[in-house]
PDB file of N, CA and C in Angstrom:
ATOM      1  N   MET A   1      -0.714   3.660 -11.491  1.00  0.00           N
ATOM      2  CA  MET A   1      -1.925   4.066 -11.440  1.00  0.00           C
ATOM      3  C   MET A   1      -2.523   2.330 -11.446  1.00  0.00           C
ATOM      4  N   GLY A   2      -1.783   1.641 -11.976  1.00  0.00           N
ATOM      5  CA  GLY A   2      -2.245  -0.126 -11.828  1.00  0.00           C
ATOM      6  C   GLY A   2      -2.351  -0.400 -10.482  1.00  0.00           C
ATOM      7  N   SER A   3      -1.336  -0.080  -9.607  1.00  0.00           N
ATOM      8  CA  SER A   3      -1.430  -0.623  -8.032  1.00  0.00           C
ATOM      9  C   SER A   3      -2.633  -0.598  -7.593  1.00  0.00           C
ATOM     10  N   GLU A   4      -3.580   0.291  -7.898  1.00  0.00           N
ATOM     11  CA  GLU A   4      -4.455   0.535  -6.984  1.00  0.00           C
ATOM     12  C   GLU A   4      -5.504  -0.650  -7.655  1.00  0.00           C
ATOM     13  N   ILE A   5      -5.567  -0.912  -8.776  1.00  0.00           N
ATOM     14  CA  ILE A   5      -6.431  -2.144  -9.072  1.00  0.00           C
ATOM     15  C   ILE A   5      -6.199  -3.127  -8.649  1.00  0.00           C
ATOM     16  N   ILE A   6      -4.949  -3.223  -8.403  1.00  0.00           N
ATOM     17  CA  ILE A   6      -4.333  -4.636  -8.004  1.00  0.00           C
ATOM     18  C   ILE A   6      -4.942  -5.059  -6.498  1.00  0.00           C
ATOM     19  N   ILE A   7      -4.838  -3.715  -5.306  1.00  0.00           N
ATOM     20  CA  ILE A   7      -4.875  -3.794  -4.186  1.00  0.00           C
ATOM     21  C   ILE A   7      -6.399  -4.738  -3.834  1.00  0.00           C
ATOM     22  N   VAL A   8      -7.537  -4.011  -4.497  1.00  0.00           N
ATOM     23  CA  VAL A   8      -8.576  -4.355  -3.928  1.00  0.00           C
ATOM     24  C   VAL A   8      -8.961  -6.270  -3.977  1.00  0.00           C
ATOM     25  N   PRO A   9      -8.745  -6.705  -5.106  1.00  0.00           N
ATOM     26  CA  PRO A   9      -9.035  -7.468  -5.409  1.00  0.00           C
ATOM     27  C   PRO A   9      -7.966  -8.987  -4.505  1.00  0.00           C
ATOM     28  N   VAL A  10      -6.675  -8.347  -4.369  1.00  0.00           N
ATOM     29  CA  VAL A  10      -6.199  -9.140  -3.259  1.00  0.00           C
ATOM     30  C   VAL A  10      -6.215  -8.950  -2.268  1.00  0.00           C
ATOM     31  N   LEU A  11      -7.377  -7.949  -1.648  1.00  0.00           N
ATOM     32  CA  LEU A  11      -7.585  -7.751  -0.145  1.00  0.00           C
ATOM     33  C   LEU A  11      -8.607  -8.736   0.065  1.00  0.00           C
ATOM     34  N   PHE A  12      -9.742  -8.715  -1.274  1.00  0.00           N
ATOM     35  CA  PHE A  12     -10.737  -9.125  -0.741  1.00  0.00           C
ATOM     36  C   PHE A  12     -10.564 -10.877  -1.201  1.00  0.00           C
ATOM     37  N   LEU A  13      -9.325 -11.295  -1.914  1.00  0.00           N
ATOM     38  CA  LEU A  13      -8.706 -12.770  -2.083  1.00  0.00           C
ATOM     39  C   LEU A  13      -8.845 -13.253  -0.556  1.00  0.00           C
ATOM     40  N   SER A  14      -7.275 -11.963   0.166  1.00  0.00           N
ATOM     41  CA  SER A  14      -7.075 -12.672   1.433  1.00  0.00           C
ATOM     42  C   SER A  14      -7.984 -12.986   2.074  1.00  0.00           C
ATOM     43  N   ILE A  15      -9.286 -12.083   2.353  1.00  0.00           N
ATOM     44  CA  ILE A  15     -10.239 -12.307   3.304  1.00  0.00           C
ATOM     45  C   ILE A  15     -10.721 -13.214   3.148  1.00  0.00           C
ATOM     46  N   PHE A  16     -11.045 -13.400   1.886  1.00  0.00           N
ATOM     47  CA  PHE A  16     -11.648 -14.783   1.343  1.00  0.00           C
ATOM     48  C   PHE A  16     -11.026 -15.947   1.620  1.00  0.00           C
ATOM     49  N   GLY A  17      -9.799 -15.761   1.611  1.00  0.00           N
ATOM     50  CA  GLY A  17      -8.901 -17.245   1.632  1.00  0.00           C
ATOM     51  C   GLY A  17      -8.849 -17.979   3.037  1.00  0.00           C
ATOM     52  N   ILE A  18      -8.682 -16.388   4.046  1.00  0.00           N
ATOM     53  CA  ILE A  18      -8.565 -16.931   5.788  1.00  0.00           C
ATOM     54  C   ILE A  18     -10.170 -17.450   6.109  1.00  0.00           C
ATOM     55  N   PHE A  19     -11.440 -17.005   5.610  1.00  0.00           N
ATOM     56  CA  PHE A  19     -12.022 -17.481   6.108  1.00  0.00           C
ATOM     57  C   PHE A  19     -12.624 -18.997   5.303  1.00  0.00           C
ATOM     58  N   TYR A  20     -12.160 -19.098   4.465  1.00  0.00           N
ATOM     59  CA  TYR A  20     -12.214 -20.292   3.249  1.00  0.00           C
ATOM     60  C   TYR A  20     -11.226 -21.124   4.316  1.00  0.00           C
ATOM     61  N   LEU A  21     -10.090 -20.792   4.448  1.00  0.00           N
ATOM     62  CA  LEU A  21      -9.267 -21.971   5.595  1.00  0.00           C
ATOM     63  C   LEU A  21      -9.815 -22.310   6.689  1.00  0.00           C
ATOM     64  N   PHE A  22     -10.457 -21.298   7.108  1.00  0.00           N
ATOM     65  CA  PHE A  22     -10.953 -21.363   8.917  1.00  0.00           C
ATOM     66  C   PHE A  22     -12.033 -22.548   8.894  1.00  0.00           C
ATOM     67  N   PHE A  23     -13.248 -22.086   7.651  1.00  0.00           N
ATOM     68  CA  PHE A  23     -14.284 -23.158   7.925  1.00  0.00           C
ATOM     69  C   PHE A  23     -14.003 -24.738   7.090  1.00  0.00           C
ATOM     70  N   SER A  24     -13.140 -24.543   6.310  1.00  0.00           N
ATOM     71  CA  SER A  24     -12.580 -25.616   5.945  1.00  0.00           C
ATOM     72  C   SER A  24     -12.267 -26.733   6.809  1.00  0.00           C
ATOM     73  N   THR A  25     -11.367 -26.260   7.555  1.00  0.00           N
ATOM     74  CA  THR A  25     -10.373 -26.978   8.567  1.00  0.00           C
ATOM     75  C   THR A  25     -11.316 -27.275   9.591  1.00  0.00           C
ATOM     76  N   ARG A  26     -12.067 -26.589  10.009  1.00  0.00           N
ATOM     77  CA  ARG A  26     -13.285 -26.592  11.133  1.00  0.00           C
ATOM     78  C   ARG A  26     -13.936 -27.960  11.171  1.00  0.00           C
ATOM     79  N   ASN A  27     -14.501 -27.550   9.512  1.00  0.00           N
ATOM     80  CA  ASN A  27     -15.475 -28.791   8.955  1.00  0.00           C
ATOM     81  C   ASN A  27     -14.884 -30.338   9.041  1.00  0.00           C
ATOM     82  N   LYS A  28     -13.418 -30.304   8.620  1.00  0.00           N
ATOM     83  CA  LYS A  28     -12.444 -31.686   8.443  1.00  0.00           C
ATOM     84  C   LYS A  28     -12.139 -32.099   9.741  1.00  0.00           C
ATOM     85  N   GLU A  29     -12.131 -31.104  10.986  1.00  0.00           N
ATOM     86  CA  GLU A  29     -12.116 -31.791  12.239  1.00  0.00           C
ATOM     87  C   GLU A  29     -13.560 -32.179  13.153  1.00  0.00           C
ATOM     88  N   ARG A  30     -14.367 -31.636  12.591  1.00  0.00           N
ATOM     89  CA  ARG A  30     -15.446 -31.814  13.278  1.00  0.00           C
ATOM     90  C   ARG A  30     -16.062 -33.530  12.247  1.00  0.00           C
ATOM     91  N   LEU A  31     -15.871 -33.461  11.397  1.00  0.00           N
ATOM     92  CA  LEU A  31     -15.867 -34.827  10.259  1.00  0.00           C
ATOM     93  C   LEU A  31     -15.016 -35.880  10.713  1.00  0.00           C
ATOM     94  N   ALA A  32     -13.654 -35.680  11.509  1.00  0.00           N
ATOM     95  CA  ALA A  32     -13.019 -36.562  11.763  1.00  0.00           C
ATOM     96  C   ALA A  32     -13.203 -37.211  13.347  1.00  0.00           C
ATOM     97  N   LEU A  33     -13.998 -36.107  14.150  1.00  0.00           N
ATOM     98  CA  LEU A  33     -14.844 -36.196  15.259  1.00  0.00           C
ATOM     99  C   LEU A  33     -16.162 -37.209  14.920  1.00  0.00           C
ATOM    100  N   ILE A  34     -16.498 -37.164  14.458  1.00  0.00           N
ATOM    101  CA  ILE A  34     -17.718 -37.790  14.003  1.00  0.00           C
ATOM    102  C   ILE A  34     -17.559 -39.372  13.580  1.00  0.00           C
ATOM    103  N   GLU A  35     -16.112 -39.529  12.549  1.00  0.00           N
ATOM    104  CA  GLU A  35     -15.822 -40.442  11.747  1.00  0.00           C
ATOM    105  C   GLU A  35     -15.194 -41.726  13.001  1.00  0.00           C
ATOM    106  N   LYS A  36     -14.899 -40.878  14.178  1.00  0.00           N
ATOM    107  CA  LYS A  36     -14.007 -41.646  15.210  1.00  0.00           C
ATOM    108  C   LYS A  36     -15.062 -41.945  16.171  1.00  0.00           C
ATOM    109  N   GLY A  37     -16.241 -41.608  16.141  1.00  0.00           N
ATOM    110  CA  GLY A  37     -17.389 -41.733  17.218  1.00  0.00           C
ATOM    111  C   GLY A  37     -17.198 -40.386  18.503  1.00  0.00           C
ATOM    112  N   VAL A  38     -16.809 -39.325  18.346  1.00  0.00           N
ATOM    113  CA  VAL A  38     -16.468 -38.772  19.395  1.00  0.00           C
ATOM    114  C   VAL A  38     -17.511 -37.571  19.073  1.00  0.00           C
ATOM    115  N   ASP A  39     -17.960 -36.947  20.301  1.00  0.00           N
ATOM    116  CA  ASP A  39     -19.105 -35.754  20.169  1.00  0.00           C
ATOM    117  C   ASP A  39     -18.311 -34.621  20.008  1.00  0.00           C
ATOM    118  N   ALA A  40     -18.600 -34.089  19.177  1.00  0.00           N
ATOM    119  CA  ALA A  40     -18.233 -32.873  18.205  1.00  0.00           C
ATOM    120  C   ALA A  40     -18.625 -31.476  18.858  1.00  0.00           C
ATOM    121  N   ASN A  41     -19.059 -31.408  20.191  1.00  0.00           N
ATOM    122  CA  ASN A  41     -19.588 -30.191  21.226  1.00  0.00           C
ATOM    123  C   ASN A  41     -18.359 -30.010  21.735  1.00  0.00           C
ATOM    124  N   ILE A  42     -17.477 -30.360  21.635  1.00  0.00           N
ATOM    125  CA  ILE A  42     -16.290 -30.256  22.440  1.00  0.00           C
ATOM    126  C   ILE A  42     -15.328 -28.851  21.854  1.00  0.00           C
ATOM    127  N   PHE A  43     -16.140 -28.532  20.607  1.00  0.00           N
ATOM    128  CA  PHE A  43     -15.745 -26.713  19.993  1.00  0.00           C
ATOM    129  C   PHE A  43     -16.197 -26.080  21.139  1.00  0.00           C
ATOM    130  N   VAL A  44     -17.772 -26.162  21.506  1.00  0.00           N
ATOM    131  CA  VAL A  44     -18.363 -24.872  22.082  1.00  0.00           C
ATOM    132  C   VAL A  44     -18.030 -25.169  23.691  1.00  0.00           C
ATOM    133  N   SER A  45     -17.518 -23.917  24.074  1.00  0.00           N
ATOM    134  CA  SER A  45     -16.997 -23.361  25.488  1.00  0.00           C
ATOM    135  C   SER A  45     -18.848 -23.575  26.496  1.00  0.00           C
ATOM    136  N   LYS A  46     -18.332 -24.411  27.359  1.00  0.00           N
ATOM    137  CA  LYS A  46     -19.644 -24.588  28.235  1.00  0.00           C
ATOM    138  C   LYS A  46     -19.563 -23.042  29.126  1.00  0.00           C
ATOM    139  N   ASN A  47     -18.323 -22.372  29.435  1.00  0.00           N
ATOM    140  CA  ASN A  47     -18.287 -21.723  30.338  1.00  0.00           C
ATOM    141  C   ASN A  47     -18.316 -20.228  30.003  1.00  0.00           C
ATOM    142  N   HIS A  48     -18.159 -19.627  28.618  1.00  0.00           N
ATOM    143  CA  HIS A  48     -18.560 -18.283  28.166  1.00  0.00           C
ATOM    144  C   HIS A  48     -19.872 -18.846  27.039  1.00  0.00           C
ATOM    145  N   SER A  49     -20.668 -17.716  27.126  1.00  0.00           N
ATOM    146  CA  SER A  49     -21.688 -17.955  26.136  1.00  0.00           C
ATOM    147  C   SER A  49     -21.488 -16.729  25.014  1.00  0.00           C
ATOM    148  N   SER A  50     -21.908 -17.110  23.915  1.00  0.00           N
ATOM    149  CA  SER A  50     -21.597 -16.474  22.507  1.00  0.00           C
ATOM    150  C   SER A  50     -21.954 -14.846  23.074  1.00  0.00           C
ATOM    151  N   MET A  51     -23.080 -14.889  23.540  1.00  0.00           N
ATOM    152  CA  MET A  51     -23.309 -13.659  23.759  1.00  0.00           C
ATOM    153  C   MET A  51     -22.627 -12.934  24.633  1.00  0.00           C
ATOM    154  N   PHE A  52     -21.744 -13.059  25.688  1.00  0.00           N
ATOM    155  CA  PHE A  52     -20.558 -13.010  26.465  1.00  0.00           C
ATOM    156  C   PHE A  52     -19.513 -12.291  25.361  1.00  0.00           C
ATOM    157  N   ILE A  53     -19.062 -13.128  24.725  1.00  0.00           N
ATOM    158  CA  ILE A  53     -18.165 -12.794  23.897  1.00  0.00           C
ATOM    159  C   ILE A  53     -18.477 -11.746  22.638  1.00  0.00           C
ATOM    160  N   TRP A  54     -19.440 -11.759  22.388  1.00  0.00           N
ATOM    161  CA  TRP A  54     -19.897 -10.819  21.366  1.00  0.00           C
ATOM    162  C   TRP A  54     -19.280  -9.474  22.209  1.00  0.00           C
ATOM    163  N   LYS A  55     -20.397  -9.114  23.305  1.00  0.00           N
ATOM    164  CA  LYS A  55     -19.947  -8.320  23.904  1.00  0.00           C
ATOM    165  C   LYS A  55     -18.817  -7.740  24.259  1.00  0.00           C
ATOM    166  N   ILE A  56     -17.491  -8.448  24.434  1.00  0.00           N
ATOM    167  CA  ILE A  56     -16.505  -8.552  24.219  1.00  0.00           C
ATOM    168  C   ILE A  56     -15.738  -7.687  23.384  1.00  0.00           C
ATOM    169  N   ILE A  57     -16.361  -8.597  22.225  1.00  0.00           N
ATOM    170  CA  ILE A  57     -15.602  -8.158  20.551  1.00  0.00           C
ATOM    171  C   ILE A  57     -16.146  -6.483  20.373  1.00  0.00           C
ATOM    172  N   ILE A  58     -17.497  -6.250  21.004  1.00  0.00           N
ATOM    173  CA  ILE A  58     -17.993  -5.219  20.612  1.00  0.00           C
ATOM    174  C   ILE A  58     -17.614  -4.149  21.384  1.00  0.00           C
ATOM    175  N   LEU A  59     -17.221  -4.358  22.665  1.00  0.00           N
ATOM    176  CA  LEU A  59     -16.257  -3.252  23.531  1.00  0.00           C
ATOM    177  C   LEU A  59     -14.980  -3.195  23.369  1.00  0.00           C
ATOM    178  N   ASN A  60     -14.400  -3.991  22.574  1.00  0.00           N
ATOM    179  CA  ASN A  60     -13.134  -3.998  22.215  1.00  0.00           C
ATOM    180  C   ASN A  60     -13.054  -3.021  20.768  1.00  0.00           C
ATOM    181  N   LEU A  61     -13.802  -3.746  20.026  1.00  0.00           N
ATOM    182  CA  LEU A  61     -14.345  -2.655  18.558  1.00  0.00           C
ATOM    183  C   LEU A  61     -14.601  -1.005  18.842  1.00  0.00           C
ATOM    184  N   ALA A  62     -15.380  -0.534  19.609  1.00  0.00           N
ATOM    185  CA  ALA A  62     -15.877   0.309  20.364  1.00  0.00           C
ATOM    186  C   ALA A  62     -14.427   1.709  20.768  1.00  0.00           C
ATOM    187  N   CYS A  63     -13.477   0.601  21.804  1.00  0.00           N
ATOM    188  CA  CYS A  63     -13.027   1.409  22.317  1.00  0.00           C
ATOM    189  C   CYS A  63     -11.491   1.748  21.253  1.00  0.00           C
ATOM    190  N   LEU A  64     -11.641   0.900  20.300  1.00  0.00           N
ATOM    191  CA  LEU A  64     -10.235   0.792  19.118  1.00  0.00           C
ATOM    192  C   LEU A  64     -10.915   2.388  18.550  1.00  0.00           C
ATOM    193  N   MET A  65     -12.213   2.637  17.820  1.00  0.00           N
ATOM    194  CA  MET A  65     -12.757   3.105  17.226  1.00  0.00           C
ATOM    195  C   MET A  65     -12.505   4.656  18.042  1.00  0.00           C
ATOM    196  N   ILE A  66     -13.257   4.480  19.175  1.00  0.00           N
ATOM    197  CA  ILE A  66     -13.044   5.769  20.111  1.00  0.00           C
ATOM    198  C   ILE A  66     -11.377   6.672  20.144  1.00  0.00           C
ATOM    199  N   GLY A  67     -10.350   5.734  20.147  1.00  0.00           N
ATOM    200  CA  GLY A  67      -8.948   5.721  19.875  1.00  0.00           C
ATOM    201  C   GLY A  67      -8.651   5.985  18.399  1.00  0.00           C
ATOM    202  N   ILE A  68      -9.015   5.706  17.447  1.00  0.00           N
ATOM    203  CA  ILE A  68      -8.803   6.274  16.203  1.00  0.00           C
ATOM    204  C   ILE A  68      -9.542   7.749  16.078  1.00  0.00           C
ATOM    205  N   GLY A  69     -10.920   7.628  16.591  1.00  0.00           N
ATOM    206  CA  GLY A  69     -11.592   9.438  16.335  1.00  0.00           C
ATOM    207  C   GLY A  69     -10.580  10.404  17.276  1.00  0.00           C
ATOM    208  N   THR A  70      -9.976   9.938  18.099  1.00  0.00           N
ATOM    209  CA  THR A  70      -9.073  10.876  19.807  1.00  0.00           C
ATOM    210  C   THR A  70      -7.681  11.228  18.722  1.00  0.00           C
ATOM    211  N   GLY A  71      -7.170   9.863  17.943  1.00  0.00           N
ATOM    212  CA  GLY A  71      -6.185  10.057  17.304  1.00  0.00           C
ATOM    213  C   GLY A  71      -6.047  11.541  16.064  1.00  0.00           C
ATOM    214  N   ILE A  72      -7.161  11.051  15.145  1.00  0.00           N
ATOM    215  CA  ILE A  72      -7.443  12.027  14.464  1.00  0.00           C
ATOM    216  C   ILE A  72      -7.369  13.536  14.827  1.00  0.00           C
ATOM    217  N   LEU A  73      -8.243  13.663  15.861  1.00  0.00           N
ATOM    218  CA  LEU A  73      -8.549  15.121  16.552  1.00  0.00           C
ATOM    219  C   LEU A  73      -7.365  15.603  16.892  1.00  0.00           C
ATOM    220  N   SER A  74      -6.788  14.718  17.723  1.00  0.00           N
ATOM    221  CA  SER A  74      -5.373  15.165  18.446  1.00  0.00           C
ATOM    222  C   SER A  74      -4.403  15.813  17.492  1.00  0.00           C
ATOM    223  N   ALA A  75      -4.608  14.935  16.053  1.00  0.00           N
ATOM    224  CA  ALA A  75      -3.531  15.273  14.891  1.00  0.00           C
ATOM    225  C   ALA A  75      -3.842  16.189  14.454  1.00  0.00           C
ATOM    226  N   LEU A  76      -5.330  16.676  14.249  1.00  0.00           N
ATOM    227  CA  LEU A  76      -5.581  18.054  13.567  1.00  0.00           C
ATOM    228  C   LEU A  76      -5.390  19.330  14.582  1.00  0.00           C
ATOM    229  N   PHE A  77      -5.686  19.134  15.606  1.00  0.00           N
ATOM    230  CA  PHE A  77      -5.503  20.112  16.633  1.00  0.00           C
ATOM    231  C   PHE A  77      -3.961  20.643  16.892  1.00  0.00           C
ATOM    232  N   ILE A  78      -2.874  19.150  16.739  1.00  0.00           N
ATOM    233  CA  ILE A  78      -1.686  19.373  16.979  1.00  0.00           C
ATOM    234  C   ILE A  78      -1.164  20.416  15.448  1.00  0.00           C
ATOM    235  N   GLU A  79      -1.540  19.700  14.445  1.00  0.00           N
ATOM    236  CA  GLU A  79      -0.978  20.480  13.251  1.00  0.00           C
ATOM    237  C   GLU A  79      -1.638  21.779  13.082  1.00  0.00           C
ATOM    238  N   SER A  80      -3.357  22.043  13.371  1.00  0.00           N
ATOM    239  CA  SER A  80      -3.245  23.658  13.323  1.00  0.00           C
ATOM    240  C   SER A  80      -2.370  24.382  14.261  1.00  0.00           C
ATOM    241  N   LEU A  81      -2.144  24.119  15.596  1.00  0.00           N
ATOM    242  CA  LEU A  81      -1.546  24.626  16.588  1.00  0.00           C
ATOM    243  C   LEU A  81       0.324  24.856  16.211  1.00  0.00           C
ATOM    244  N   LEU A  82       0.777  23.843  15.535  1.00  0.00           N
ATOM    245  CA  LEU A  82       2.187  24.274  15.122  1.00  0.00           C
ATOM    246  C   LEU A  82       2.495  24.254  13.873  1.00  0.00           C
ATOM    247  N   GLU A  83       1.424  24.419  12.985  1.00  0.00           N
ATOM    248  CA  GLU A  83       1.248  24.574  11.581  1.00  0.00           C
ATOM    249  C   GLU A  83       2.252  23.469  10.737  1.00  0.00           C
ATOM    250  N   ILE A  84       1.746  22.500  10.902  1.00  0.00           N
ATOM    251  CA  ILE A  84       2.775  21.340  10.461  1.00  0.00           C
ATOM    252  C   ILE A  84       2.034  21.252   8.747  1.00  0.00           C
ATOM    253  N   ASN A  85       2.862  20.889   7.920  1.00  0.00           N
ATOM    254  CA  ASN A  85       2.159  20.492   6.654  1.00  0.00           C
ATOM    255  C   ASN A  85       2.867  19.394   6.272  1.00  0.00           C
ATOM    256  N   ASN A  86       1.413  18.513   5.627  1.00  0.00           N
ATOM    257  CA  ASN A  86       1.776  17.269   5.296  1.00  0.00           C
ATOM    258  C   ASN A  86       3.190  16.337   6.090  1.00  0.00           C
ATOM    259  N   GLY A  87       3.059  16.552   7.288  1.00  0.00           N
ATOM    260  CA  GLY A  87       3.680  15.351   7.942  1.00  0.00           C
ATOM    261  C   GLY A  87       3.262  14.139   8.772  1.00  0.00           C
ATOM    262  N   PRO A  88       4.289  13.432   9.125  1.00  0.00           N
ATOM    263  CA  PRO A  88       3.489  12.076   9.894  1.00  0.00           C
ATOM    264  C   PRO A  88       2.827  12.259  11.015  1.00  0.00           C
ATOM    265  N   ILE A  89       2.700  12.954  11.277  1.00  0.00           N
ATOM    266  CA  ILE A  89       1.648  13.406  12.957  1.00  0.00           C
ATOM    267  C   ILE A  89       0.290  12.498  12.346  1.00  0.00           C
ATOM    268  N   TYR A  90      -0.337  12.577  11.240  1.00  0.00           N
ATOM    269  CA  TYR A  90      -2.019  11.825  11.545  1.00  0.00           C
ATOM    270  C   TYR A  90      -1.775  10.301  11.594  1.00  0.00           C
ATOM    271  N   PRO A  91      -0.448   9.832  10.447  1.00  0.00           N
ATOM    272  CA  PRO A  91      -0.505   8.270  11.019  1.00  0.00           C
ATOM    273  C   PRO A  91      -0.162   7.721  12.876  1.00  0.00           C
ATOM    274  N   GLY A  92       0.706   8.620  12.986  1.00  0.00           N
ATOM    275  CA  GLY A  92       1.712   8.338  13.966  1.00  0.00           C
ATOM    276  C   GLY A  92       0.684   8.423  15.322  1.00  0.00           C
ATOM    277  N   LEU A  93      -0.289   9.510  15.394  1.00  0.00           N
ATOM    278  CA  LEU A  93      -1.100   9.610  16.824  1.00  0.00           C
ATOM    279  C   LEU A  93      -2.454   8.352  16.554  1.00  0.00           C
ATOM    280  N   ILE A  94      -2.512   8.385  15.176  1.00  0.00           N
ATOM    281  CA  ILE A  94      -4.093   7.286  14.870  1.00  0.00           C
ATOM    282  C   ILE A  94      -3.321   6.076  15.806  1.00  0.00           C
ATOM    283  N   PHE A  95      -2.107   5.571  15.077  1.00  0.00           N
ATOM    284  CA  PHE A  95      -1.597   4.353  15.580  1.00  0.00           C
ATOM    285  C   PHE A  95      -1.490   4.352  17.236  1.00  0.00           C
ATOM    286  N   LEU A  96      -1.140   5.413  17.729  1.00  0.00           N
ATOM    287  CA  LEU A  96      -0.768   5.882  18.839  1.00  0.00           C
ATOM    288  C   LEU A  96      -1.869   5.508  19.696  1.00  0.00           C
ATOM    289  N   PHE A  97      -3.160   6.573  19.549  1.00  0.00           N
ATOM    290  CA  PHE A  97      -4.306   6.419  20.462  1.00  0.00           C
ATOM    291  C   PHE A  97      -5.258   5.282  19.872  1.00  0.00           C
ATOM    292  N   ALA A  98      -5.111   4.478  18.627  1.00  0.00           N
ATOM    293  CA  ALA A  98      -5.937   3.155  18.668  1.00  0.00           C
ATOM    294  C   ALA A  98      -5.682   2.043  19.578  1.00  0.00           C
ATOM    295  N   GLY A  99      -3.497   2.353  19.587  1.00  0.00           N
ATOM    296  CA  GLY A  99      -3.301   0.939  20.293  1.00  0.00           C
ATOM    297  C   GLY A  99      -3.426   1.212  22.171  1.00  0.00           C
ATOM    298  N   ILE A 100      -3.362   2.603  22.275  1.00  0.00           N
ATOM    299  CA  ILE A 100      -4.438   2.970  23.668  1.00  0.00           C
ATOM    300  C   ILE A 100      -5.601   2.479  23.840  1.00  0.00           C
ATOM    301  N   GLY A 101      -6.499   2.636  22.943  1.00  0.00           N
ATOM    302  CA  GLY A 101      -7.704   2.331  22.788  1.00  0.00           C
ATOM    303  C   GLY A 101      -7.942   0.709  22.960  1.00  0.00           C
ATOM    304  N   LEU A 102      -7.222   0.140  22.294  1.00  0.00           N
ATOM    305  CA  LEU A 102      -7.186  -1.738  22.348  1.00  0.00           C
ATOM    306  C   LEU A 102      -6.835  -1.932  23.647  1.00  0.00           C
ATOM    307  N   LEU A 103      -5.578  -1.399  24.283  1.00  0.00           N
ATOM    308  CA  LEU A 103      -5.427  -1.411  25.993  1.00  0.00           C
ATOM    309  C   LEU A 103      -6.165  -1.328  26.744  1.00  0.00           C
ATOM    310  N   VAL A 104      -7.092  -0.108  26.436  1.00  0.00           N
ATOM    311  CA  VAL A 104      -8.164  -0.070  27.411  1.00  0.00           C
ATOM    312  C   VAL A 104      -9.072  -0.932  27.583  1.00  0.00           C
ATOM    313  N   GLY A 105      -9.733  -1.203  25.967  1.00  0.00           N
ATOM    314  CA  GLY A 105     -10.617  -2.191  25.952  1.00  0.00           C
ATOM    315  C   GLY A 105     -10.370  -3.389  26.420  1.00  0.00           C
ATOM    316  N   PHE A 106      -8.946  -3.785  26.442  1.00  0.00           N
ATOM    317  CA  PHE A 106      -8.174  -5.034  26.917  1.00  0.00           C
ATOM    318  C   PHE A 106      -8.691  -5.150  28.750  1.00  0.00           C
ATOM    319  N   LYS A 107      -8.499  -4.168  29.139  1.00  0.00           N
ATOM    320  CA  LYS A 107      -8.437  -4.101  30.477  1.00  0.00           C
ATOM    321  C   LYS A 107      -9.769  -3.987  31.086  1.00  0.00           C
ATOM    322  N   ILE A 108     -10.488  -3.147  30.103  1.00  0.00           N
ATOM    323  CA  ILE A 108     -12.110  -3.406  30.712  1.00  0.00           C
ATOM    324  C   ILE A 108     -12.443  -4.435  30.834  1.00  0.00           C
ATOM    325  N   SER A 109     -12.058  -5.359  29.562  1.00  0.00           N
ATOM    326  CA  SER A 109     -13.423  -6.666  29.039  1.00  0.00           C
ATOM    327  C   SER A 109     -12.460  -7.666  30.304  1.00  0.00           C
ATOM    328  N   LYS A 110     -10.861  -7.484  30.813  1.00  0.00           N
ATOM    329  CA  LYS A 110     -10.837  -8.530  31.966  1.00  0.00           C
ATOM    330  C   LYS A 110     -11.274  -8.055  33.160  1.00  0.00           C
ATOM    331  N   ASN A 111     -11.509  -7.001  33.373  1.00  0.00           N
ATOM    332  CA  ASN A 111     -12.763  -6.816  34.712  1.00  0.00           C
ATOM    333  C   ASN A 111     -14.036  -7.325  34.449  1.00  0.00           C
ATOM    334  N   LEU A 112     -14.519  -7.324  33.114  1.00  0.00           N
ATOM    335  CA  LEU A 112     -15.939  -7.570  32.929  1.00  0.00           C
ATOM    336  C   LEU A 112     -15.964  -9.594  32.913  1.00  0.00           C
ATOM    337  N   GLU A 113     -14.806  -9.878  33.002  1.00  0.00           N
ATOM    338  CA  GLU A 113     -14.818 -11.422  33.162  1.00  0.00           C
ATOM    339  C   GLU A 113     -14.419 -11.764  34.433  1.00  0.00           C
TER     340      GLU A 113
END
C-alpha cells in the first residue's frame, strides 16, 4: 500500500530533475560562450526550423498512440477469441505495436526530410 504513495513523487521528481539539469547546463554553456565572446546562436540549427521539428515529434507521437491503440484492440480481440484470462497478452501486444508504430513514424519522418 505504501509503494503507491512513493511512486508518484519519485516520478515527478525524476521529470523535474531531468528538466532542471537540461536547462541549467544549457544556461551555463551559453554563459560560458558569452564570457569568451563567442556568439551563443550556434545552438540554433539553421537547416531545420522549429516548426518542422514539431511536425516530426507530433507525427511520431501520433504513430505511437495509433500503435498502442492497435495493440489494445488486438489484445482484446485475441483474448475474447482464445478465451485467455489474465495473461501477459496485453502488455506484450501493446509494446509490440507501440514499437511498430515508432518504427513506422521513423520511416515516415525520414521520408519527409
